[in-house]
Amino acid sequence: MRVKIINPNTSLEMTQSIYKAAREAARPDTEIVAVSPAQGPISIENFHDQFIAVWGMLEEVRKGIKEKYDAFIIAAACDPGINPAREISPVPVIGIGEASLYLACLVAAKFSIITVMKRIVPLIEEVPKRAGLMDRCASIRSTNLTVLDTEHDPGRVIQELKAESRKAVLEDGAEAICLGCSGMVKYVEELEKELGVPVFDGVVSAVKLAEILVDLRKKTSKVLTYQTPAAKLYKGLPTIFESR
């Protein structure tokens, strides 16, 4: 099978880290390709960043449809553009945010999400809301990190992740931890040893779910919500964005 991972921001360094984690998690017979859009924000830390990033992400989905990929993964924890991506894609589109939450719910009654800066929390909150999992969410905790800090300052990252994760378990009642940034993938093992609870990274979670869905030959439902958009002209926009 062929899985295309789209990092919606334009940080190539982060895209490489995402690819490495995905390749290590995937089966030998799963082809993994990881890309970033040619245009867009270097990181996604607010709704404006998210909106701009969706344009380039959807372009990569459209390219991937022509290239006959079996599944797509959107590799940002706020799952930007997940609904329009599913509208245009006949094959599964998995967001790393929701993927980690779904898996956490299979082994724990309550999970907490640990993310980067406080400014991004409103974006992250939308993920359990959209998935119908707010009653399973013990808390969403933020660190003092930016998205790009997760690539450049590992000592500080693990220190802050441990501190907020401990609070989530001891104070909030979390029984599993979901990491709310694609740049946190490399810290799962150390956090699990420290906390004694399951820790889920979205990239690895999404890869394994993509493999399952493709193995089961499941496609995106087109009955209503994710029905392919009707063809129409979008004035002033590149033709790649036109419905067809």
C-alpha atoms as a PDB file:
ATOM      1  CA  MET A   1       0.000   0.000   0.000  1.00  0.00           C
ATOM      2  CA  ARG A   2       1.029   3.621  -0.513  1.00  0.00           C
ATOM      3  CA  VAL A   3       0.427   6.251   2.178  1.00  0.00           C
ATOM      4  CA  LYS A   4       1.038   9.961   1.639  1.00  0.00           C
ATOM      5  CA  ILE A   5       1.722  11.999   4.768  1.00  0.00           C
ATOM      6  CA  ILE A   6       1.177  15.734   4.415  1.00  0.00           C
ATOM      7  CA  ASN A   7       2.814  18.014   6.962  1.00  0.00           C
ATOM      8  CA  PRO A   8       0.630  21.127   6.515  1.00  0.00           C
ATOM      9  CA  ASN A   9       3.393  23.495   7.593  1.00  0.00           C
ATOM     10  CA  THR A  10       6.432  24.239   5.454  1.00  0.00           C
ATOM     11  CA  SER A  11       9.139  23.090   7.903  1.00  0.00           C
ATOM     12  CA  LEU A  12      11.093  20.496   5.918  1.00  0.00           C
ATOM     13  CA  GLU A  13      13.043  19.530   9.033  1.00  0.00           C
ATOM     14  CA  MET A  14       9.799  18.584  10.773  1.00  0.00           C
ATOM     15  CA  THR A  15       8.618  16.722   7.681  1.00  0.00           C
ATOM     16  CA  GLN A  16      11.787  14.622   7.800  1.00  0.00           C
ATOM     17  CA  SER A  17      11.195  13.788  11.481  1.00  0.00           C
ATOM     18  CA  ILE A  18       7.609  12.815  10.662  1.00  0.00           C
ATOM     19  CA  TYR A  19       8.788  10.595   7.818  1.00  0.00           C
ATOM     20  CA  LYS A  20      11.377   8.861  10.021  1.00  0.00           C
ATOM     21  CA  ALA A  21       8.817   8.060  12.729  1.00  0.00           C
ATOM     22  CA  ALA A  22       6.256   6.893  10.180  1.00  0.00           C
ATOM     23  CA  ARG A  23       8.740   4.695   8.329  1.00  0.00           C
ATOM     24  CA  GLU A  24       9.822   3.017  11.578  1.00  0.00           C
ATOM     25  CA  ALA A  25       6.193   2.338  12.547  1.00  0.00           C
ATOM     26  CA  ALA A  26       4.961   1.146   9.159  1.00  0.00           C
ATOM     27  CA  ARG A  27       5.069  -2.404   7.882  1.00  0.00           C
ATOM     28  CA  PRO A  28       7.854  -3.243   5.396  1.00  0.00           C
ATOM     29  CA  ASP A  29       5.320  -3.479   2.570  1.00  0.00           C
ATOM     30  CA  THR A  30       3.863  -0.011   3.265  1.00  0.00           C
ATOM     31  CA  GLU A  31       5.334   2.756   1.123  1.00  0.00           C
ATOM     32  CA  ILE A  32       5.523   6.032   3.045  1.00  0.00           C
ATOM     33  CA  VAL A  33       5.920   9.405   1.347  1.00  0.00           C
ATOM     34  CA  ALA A  34       6.034  12.591   3.443  1.00  0.00           C
ATOM     35  CA  VAL A  35       5.703  16.066   1.948  1.00  0.00           C
ATOM     36  CA  SER A  36       5.155  19.704   2.863  1.00  0.00           C
ATOM     37  CA  PRO A  37       3.221  22.186   0.712  1.00  0.00           C
ATOM     38  CA  ALA A  38       5.262  24.553  -1.427  1.00  0.00           C
ATOM     39  CA  GLN A  39       3.484  27.523   0.184  1.00  0.00           C
ATOM     40  CA  GLY A  40       2.192  28.184   3.677  1.00  0.00           C
ATOM     41  CA  PRO A  41       3.234  28.972   7.262  1.00  0.00           C
ATOM     42  CA  ILE A  42       6.435  27.568   8.750  1.00  0.00           C
ATOM     43  CA  SER A  43       4.360  26.419  11.734  1.00  0.00           C
ATOM     44  CA  ILE A  44       0.682  26.321  12.738  1.00  0.00           C
ATOM     45  CA  GLU A  45       0.005  28.083  16.035  1.00  0.00           C
ATOM     46  CA  ASN A  46      -3.302  29.916  15.552  1.00  0.00           C
ATOM     47  CA  PHE A  47      -6.462  29.846  13.418  1.00  0.00           C
ATOM     48  CA  HIS A  48      -4.952  32.178  10.821  1.00  0.00           C
ATOM     49  CA  ASP A  49      -1.959  29.881  10.318  1.00  0.00           C
ATOM     50  CA  GLN A  50      -4.335  26.947  10.107  1.00  0.00           C
ATOM     51  CA  PHE A  51      -6.526  28.576   7.452  1.00  0.00           C
ATOM     52  CA  ILE A  52      -3.570  29.467   5.246  1.00  0.00           C
ATOM     53  CA  ALA A  53      -2.027  25.994   5.655  1.00  0.00           C
ATOM     54  CA  VAL A  54      -5.180  24.233   4.460  1.00  0.00           C
ATOM     55  CA  TRP A  55      -4.789  25.603   0.925  1.00  0.00           C
ATOM     56  CA  GLY A  56      -1.434  23.948   0.344  1.00  0.00           C
ATOM     57  CA  MET A  57      -2.492  20.791   2.146  1.00  0.00           C
ATOM     58  CA  LEU A  58      -5.534  20.342  -0.124  1.00  0.00           C
ATOM     59  CA  GLU A  59      -3.329  20.825  -3.179  1.00  0.00           C
ATOM     60  CA  GLU A  60      -1.145  17.950  -1.958  1.00  0.00           C
ATOM     61  CA  VAL A  61      -4.232  15.775  -1.453  1.00  0.00           C
ATOM     62  CA  ARG A  62      -5.367  16.490  -5.015  1.00  0.00           C
ATOM     63  CA  LYS A  63      -1.916  15.556  -6.329  1.00  0.00           C
ATOM     64  CA  GLY A  64      -2.003  12.377  -4.272  1.00  0.00           C
ATOM     65  CA  ILE A  65      -5.387  11.364  -5.678  1.00  0.00           C
ATOM     66  CA  LYS A  66      -3.949  11.540  -9.199  1.00  0.00           C
ATOM     67  CA  GLU A  67      -0.921   9.560  -8.003  1.00  0.00           C
ATOM     68  CA  LYS A  68      -3.223   6.786  -6.699  1.00  0.00           C
ATOM     69  CA  TYR A  69      -2.272   6.776  -3.011  1.00  0.00           C
ATOM     70  CA  ASP A  70      -4.256   4.387  -0.827  1.00  0.00           C
ATOM     71  CA  ALA A  71      -4.563   6.759   2.162  1.00  0.00           C
ATOM     72  CA  PHE A  72      -3.595  10.242   3.322  1.00  0.00           C
ATOM     73  CA  ILE A  73      -2.392  11.413   6.725  1.00  0.00           C
ATOM     74  CA  ILE A  74      -2.599  15.064   7.766  1.00  0.00           C
ATOM     75  CA  ALA A  75       0.343  15.504  10.111  1.00  0.00           C
ATOM     76  CA  ALA A  76      -0.661  18.400  12.341  1.00  0.00           C
ATOM     77  CA  ALA A  77      -2.284  17.804  15.721  1.00  0.00           C
ATOM     78  CA  CYS A  78      -5.146  20.253  15.064  1.00  0.00           C
ATOM     79  CA  ASP A  79      -6.121  18.197  11.971  1.00  0.00           C
ATOM     80  CA  PRO A  80      -6.398  21.246   9.668  1.00  0.00           C
ATOM     81  CA  GLY A  81      -8.740  20.863   6.720  1.00  0.00           C
ATOM     82  CA  ILE A  82      -9.731  17.297   7.579  1.00  0.00           C
ATOM     83  CA  ASN A  83     -13.318  17.711   6.376  1.00  0.00           C
ATOM     84  CA  PRO A  84     -12.630  19.269   2.949  1.00  0.00           C
ATOM     85  CA  ALA A  85      -9.827  16.763   2.429  1.00  0.00           C
ATOM     86  CA  ARG A  86     -12.301  13.940   2.992  1.00  0.00           C
ATOM     87  CA  GLU A  87     -14.766  15.565   0.626  1.00  0.00           C
ATOM     88  CA  ILE A  88     -12.299  15.477  -2.254  1.00  0.00           C
ATOM     89  CA  SER A  89     -10.652  12.139  -1.446  1.00  0.00           C
ATOM     90  CA  PRO A  90     -12.117   8.726  -2.266  1.00  0.00           C
ATOM     91  CA  VAL A  91      -9.617   7.024   0.075  1.00  0.00           C
ATOM     92  CA  PRO A  92      -9.202   7.426   3.868  1.00  0.00           C
ATOM     93  CA  VAL A  93      -7.870  10.728   5.205  1.00  0.00           C
ATOM     94  CA  ILE A  94      -6.630  10.475   8.794  1.00  0.00           C
ATOM     95  CA  GLY A  95      -5.683  13.364  11.057  1.00  0.00           C
ATOM     96  CA  ILE A  96      -2.923  12.656  13.557  1.00  0.00           C
ATOM     97  CA  GLY A  97      -4.838  14.476  16.295  1.00  0.00           C
ATOM     98  CA  GLU A  98      -7.936  12.301  16.157  1.00  0.00           C
ATOM     99  CA  ALA A  99      -5.892   9.133  15.494  1.00  0.00           C
ATOM    100  CA  SER A 100      -4.110   9.381  18.836  1.00  0.00           C
ATOM    101  CA  LEU A 101      -7.390  10.046  20.687  1.00  0.00           C
ATOM    102  CA  TYR A 102      -9.179   7.055  19.145  1.00  0.00           C
ATOM    103  CA  LEU A 103      -6.376   4.688  20.099  1.00  0.00           C
ATOM    104  CA  ALA A 104      -6.093   6.120  23.620  1.00  0.00           C
ATOM    105  CA  CYS A 105      -9.791   5.427  24.173  1.00  0.00           C
ATOM    106  CA  LEU A 106      -9.209   1.715  23.519  1.00  0.00           C
ATOM    107  CA  VAL A 107      -6.891   1.358  26.512  1.00  0.00           C
ATOM    108  CA  ALA A 108      -7.909   4.154  28.879  1.00  0.00           C
ATOM    109  CA  ALA A 109     -11.116   5.666  30.206  1.00  0.00           C
ATOM    110  CA  LYS A 110      -9.690   9.209  30.160  1.00  0.00           C
ATOM    111  CA  PHE A 111      -6.887  10.861  28.200  1.00  0.00           C
ATOM    112  CA  SER A 112      -5.160  14.222  28.355  1.00  0.00           C
ATOM    113  CA  ILE A 113      -3.607  16.074  25.444  1.00  0.00           C
ATOM    114  CA  ILE A 114      -0.248  17.759  26.018  1.00  0.00           C
ATOM    115  CA  THR A 115       0.531  20.362  23.391  1.00  0.00           C
ATOM    116  CA  VAL A 116       2.856  23.281  22.762  1.00  0.00           C
ATOM    117  CA  MET A 117       2.112  26.941  23.539  1.00  0.00           C
ATOM    118  CA  LYS A 118      -1.124  28.047  25.211  1.00  0.00           C
ATOM    119  CA  ARG A 119      -2.142  29.979  22.077  1.00  0.00           C
ATOM    120  CA  ILE A 120      -2.710  26.722  20.207  1.00  0.00           C
ATOM    121  CA  VAL A 121      -5.073  25.183  22.784  1.00  0.00           C
ATOM    122  CA  PRO A 122      -8.280  26.527  21.109  1.00  0.00           C
ATOM    123  CA  LEU A 123      -7.266  24.730  17.893  1.00  0.00           C
ATOM    124  CA  ILE A 124      -6.507  21.492  19.727  1.00  0.00           C
ATOM    125  CA  GLU A 125      -9.847  21.642  21.576  1.00  0.00           C
ATOM    126  CA  GLU A 126     -11.647  21.317  18.257  1.00  0.00           C
ATOM    127  CA  VAL A 127     -10.236  17.807  17.727  1.00  0.00           C
ATOM    128  CA  PRO A 128     -11.962  15.960  20.624  1.00  0.00           C
ATOM    129  CA  LYS A 129     -15.078  18.062  20.021  1.00  0.00           C
ATOM    130  CA  ARG A 130     -15.226  17.028  16.357  1.00  0.00           C
ATOM    131  CA  ALA A 131     -14.551  13.398  17.298  1.00  0.00           C
ATOM    132  CA  GLY A 132     -17.250  13.386  20.001  1.00  0.00           C
ATOM    133  CA  LEU A 133     -14.684  12.592  22.681  1.00  0.00           C
ATOM    134  CA  MET A 134     -14.832  15.593  25.021  1.00  0.00           C
ATOM    135  CA  ASP A 135     -16.298  13.449  27.796  1.00  0.00           C
ATOM    136  CA  ARG A 136     -13.199  11.217  27.594  1.00  0.00           C
ATOM    137  CA  CYS A 137     -10.806  14.190  27.647  1.00  0.00           C
ATOM    138  CA  ALA A 138      -9.512  14.815  31.180  1.00  0.00           C
ATOM    139  CA  SER A 139      -7.627  17.963  30.168  1.00  0.00           C
ATOM    140  CA  ILE A 140      -5.666  19.792  27.508  1.00  0.00           C
ATOM    141  CA  ARG A 141      -2.405  21.089  28.906  1.00  0.00           C
ATOM    142  CA  SER A 142       0.070  23.406  27.211  1.00  0.00           C
ATOM    143  CA  THR A 143       3.800  23.903  27.613  1.00  0.00           C
ATOM    144  CA  ASN A 144       5.854  27.033  26.948  1.00  0.00           C
ATOM    145  CA  LEU A 145       7.158  25.581  23.687  1.00  0.00           C
ATOM    146  CA  THR A 146       6.615  26.749  20.136  1.00  0.00           C
ATOM    147  CA  VAL A 147       6.031  24.183  17.399  1.00  0.00           C
ATOM    148  CA  LEU A 148       9.581  24.616  16.079  1.00  0.00           C
ATOM    149  CA  ASP A 149      11.062  24.228  19.583  1.00  0.00           C
ATOM    150  CA  THR A 150      10.088  20.559  19.406  1.00  0.00           C
ATOM    151  CA  GLU A 151      12.709  20.118  16.696  1.00  0.00           C
ATOM    152  CA  HIS A 152      15.472  22.329  18.074  1.00  0.00           C
ATOM    153  CA  ASP A 153      15.513  22.007  21.885  1.00  0.00           C
ATOM    154  CA  PRO A 154      14.994  18.350  22.909  1.00  0.00           C
ATOM    155  CA  GLY A 155      16.216  18.762  26.492  1.00  0.00           C
ATOM    156  CA  ARG A 156      13.706  21.492  27.210  1.00  0.00           C
ATOM    157  CA  VAL A 157      10.959  19.664  25.330  1.00  0.00           C
ATOM    158  CA  ILE A 158      11.163  16.453  27.364  1.00  0.00           C
ATOM    159  CA  GLN A 159      11.409  18.396  30.617  1.00  0.00           C
ATOM    160  CA  GLU A 160       8.249  20.366  29.896  1.00  0.00           C
ATOM    161  CA  LEU A 161       6.384  17.351  28.534  1.00  0.00           C
ATOM    162  CA  LYS A 162       7.150  15.353  31.660  1.00  0.00           C
ATOM    163  CA  ALA A 163       6.052  18.191  33.941  1.00  0.00           C
ATOM    164  CA  GLU A 164       2.683  18.753  32.253  1.00  0.00           C
ATOM    165  CA  SER A 165       2.038  15.039  31.728  1.00  0.00           C
ATOM    166  CA  ARG A 166       2.594  14.324  35.439  1.00  0.00           C
ATOM    167  CA  LYS A 167       0.050  17.015  36.320  1.00  0.00           C
ATOM    168  CA  ALA A 168      -2.414  15.530  33.826  1.00  0.00           C
ATOM    169  CA  VAL A 169      -2.131  12.090  35.452  1.00  0.00           C
ATOM    170  CA  LEU A 170      -1.932  13.151  39.102  1.00  0.00           C
ATOM    171  CA  GLU A 171      -4.249  16.173  39.099  1.00  0.00           C
ATOM    172  CA  ASP A 172      -6.609  15.724  36.136  1.00  0.00           C
ATOM    173  CA  GLY A 173      -7.217  11.989  36.225  1.00  0.00           C
ATOM    174  CA  ALA A 174      -5.690  11.161  32.852  1.00  0.00           C
ATOM    175  CA  GLU A 175      -5.035   7.471  32.256  1.00  0.00           C
ATOM    176  CA  ALA A 176      -3.314   7.992  28.908  1.00  0.00           C
ATOM    177  CA  ILE A 177      -1.451  10.874  27.286  1.00  0.00           C
ATOM    178  CA  CYS A 178      -1.841  12.077  23.688  1.00  0.00           C
ATOM    179  CA  LEU A 179       0.901  14.310  22.320  1.00  0.00           C
ATOM    180  CA  GLY A 180      -0.517  17.397  20.644  1.00  0.00           C
ATOM    181  CA  CYS A 181       2.214  18.232  18.148  1.00  0.00           C
ATOM    182  CA  SER A 182       3.769  16.204  15.332  1.00  0.00           C
ATOM    183  CA  GLY A 183       7.230  17.263  16.501  1.00  0.00           C
ATOM    184  CA  MET A 184       6.786  15.337  19.771  1.00  0.00           C
ATOM    185  CA  VAL A 185       6.926  11.867  18.200  1.00  0.00           C
ATOM    186  CA  LYS A 186      10.459  11.134  19.415  1.00  0.00           C
ATOM    187  CA  TYR A 187       9.547  11.492  23.120  1.00  0.00           C
ATOM    188  CA  VAL A 188       6.929   8.747  23.499  1.00  0.00           C
ATOM    189  CA  GLU A 189       9.124   5.994  24.935  1.00  0.00           C
ATOM    190  CA  GLU A 190      10.782   8.163  27.576  1.00  0.00           C
ATOM    191  CA  LEU A 191       7.431   9.602  28.659  1.00  0.00           C
ATOM    192  CA  GLU A 192       5.871   6.151  29.046  1.00  0.00           C
ATOM    193  CA  LYS A 193       8.741   5.017  31.256  1.00  0.00           C
ATOM    194  CA  GLU A 194       8.403   8.138  33.371  1.00  0.00           C
ATOM    195  CA  LEU A 195       4.608   8.158  33.712  1.00  0.00           C
ATOM    196  CA  GLY A 196       3.593   4.505  33.728  1.00  0.00           C
ATOM    197  CA  VAL A 197       0.613   5.173  31.440  1.00  0.00           C
ATOM    198  CA  PRO A 198       0.162   4.699  27.668  1.00  0.00           C
ATOM    199  CA  VAL A 199       1.454   7.608  25.587  1.00  0.00           C
ATOM    200  CA  PHE A 200       0.248   8.079  22.002  1.00  0.00           C
ATOM    201  CA  ASP A 201       1.883  10.030  19.221  1.00  0.00           C
ATOM    202  CA  GLY A 202      -0.413  10.965  16.370  1.00  0.00           C
ATOM    203  CA  VAL A 203       1.949  10.151  13.494  1.00  0.00           C
ATOM    204  CA  VAL A 204       2.481   6.529  14.537  1.00  0.00           C
ATOM    205  CA  SER A 205      -1.208   6.163  15.468  1.00  0.00           C
ATOM    206  CA  ALA A 206      -2.314   7.462  12.063  1.00  0.00           C
ATOM    207  CA  VAL A 207       0.050   5.172  10.159  1.00  0.00           C
ATOM    208  CA  LYS A 208      -1.275   2.064  11.915  1.00  0.00           C
ATOM    209  CA  LEU A 209      -4.907   3.142  11.406  1.00  0.00           C
ATOM    210  CA  ALA A 210      -4.234   3.849   7.725  1.00  0.00           C
ATOM    211  CA  GLU A 211      -2.830   0.358   7.292  1.00  0.00           C
ATOM    212  CA  ILE A 212      -5.896  -1.178   8.941  1.00  0.00           C
ATOM    213  CA  LEU A 213      -8.364   0.783   6.803  1.00  0.00           C
ATOM    214  CA  VAL A 214      -6.538  -0.040   3.579  1.00  0.00           C
ATOM    215  CA  ASP A 215      -6.271  -3.714   4.558  1.00  0.00           C
ATOM    216  CA  LEU A 216     -10.026  -3.733   5.147  1.00  0.00           C
ATOM    217  CA  ARG A 217     -10.559  -2.009   1.779  1.00  0.00           C
ATOM    218  CA  LYS A 218     -12.519   0.839   3.330  1.00  0.00           C
ATOM    219  CA  LYS A 219     -13.103   4.062   1.402  1.00  0.00           C
ATOM    220  CA  THR A 220     -14.375   7.487   2.437  1.00  0.00           C
ATOM    221  CA  SER A 221     -18.179   7.443   2.677  1.00  0.00           C
ATOM    222  CA  LYS A 222     -19.755   9.667   0.020  1.00  0.00           C
ATOM    223  CA  VAL A 223     -23.384   9.300   1.122  1.00  0.00           C
ATOM    224  CA  LEU A 224     -23.698  12.801   2.604  1.00  0.00           C
ATOM    225  CA  THR A 225     -21.142  14.606   4.774  1.00  0.00           C
ATOM    226  CA  TYR A 226     -18.066  13.769   2.700  1.00  0.00           C
ATOM    227  CA  GLN A 227     -19.858  13.771  -0.637  1.00  0.00           C
ATOM    228  CA  THR A 228     -17.636  15.009  -3.460  1.00  0.00           C
ATOM    229  CA  PRO A 229     -18.278  18.767  -3.969  1.00  0.00           C
ATOM    230  CA  ALA A 230     -20.384  19.614  -7.009  1.00  0.00           C
ATOM    231  CA  ALA A 231     -18.432  21.114  -9.903  1.00  0.00           C
ATOM    232  CA  LYS A 232     -18.443  24.907  -9.907  1.00  0.00           C
ATOM    233  CA  LEU A 233     -16.223  27.846 -10.775  1.00  0.00           C
ATOM    234  CA  TYR A 234     -14.256  29.493  -7.946  1.00  0.00           C
ATOM    235  CA  LYS A 235     -13.472  32.994  -9.204  1.00  0.00           C
ATOM    236  CA  GLY A 236      -9.944  34.305  -8.928  1.00  0.00           C
ATOM    237  CA  LEU A 237      -8.451  31.054  -7.607  1.00  0.00           C
ATOM    238  CA  PRO A 238      -6.049  28.599  -9.248  1.00  0.00           C
ATOM    239  CA  THR A 239      -7.908  25.874 -11.137  1.00  0.00           C
ATOM    240  CA  ILE A 240      -6.618  23.248  -8.720  1.00  0.00           C
ATOM    241  CA  PHE A 241      -9.133  24.552  -6.149  1.00  0.00           C
ATOM    242  CA  GLU A 242     -12.160  24.277  -8.401  1.00  0.00           C
ATOM    243  CA  SER A 243     -14.672  21.563  -7.521  1.00  0.00           C
ATOM    244  CA  ARG A 244     -14.874  18.829 -10.127  1.00  0.00           C
END
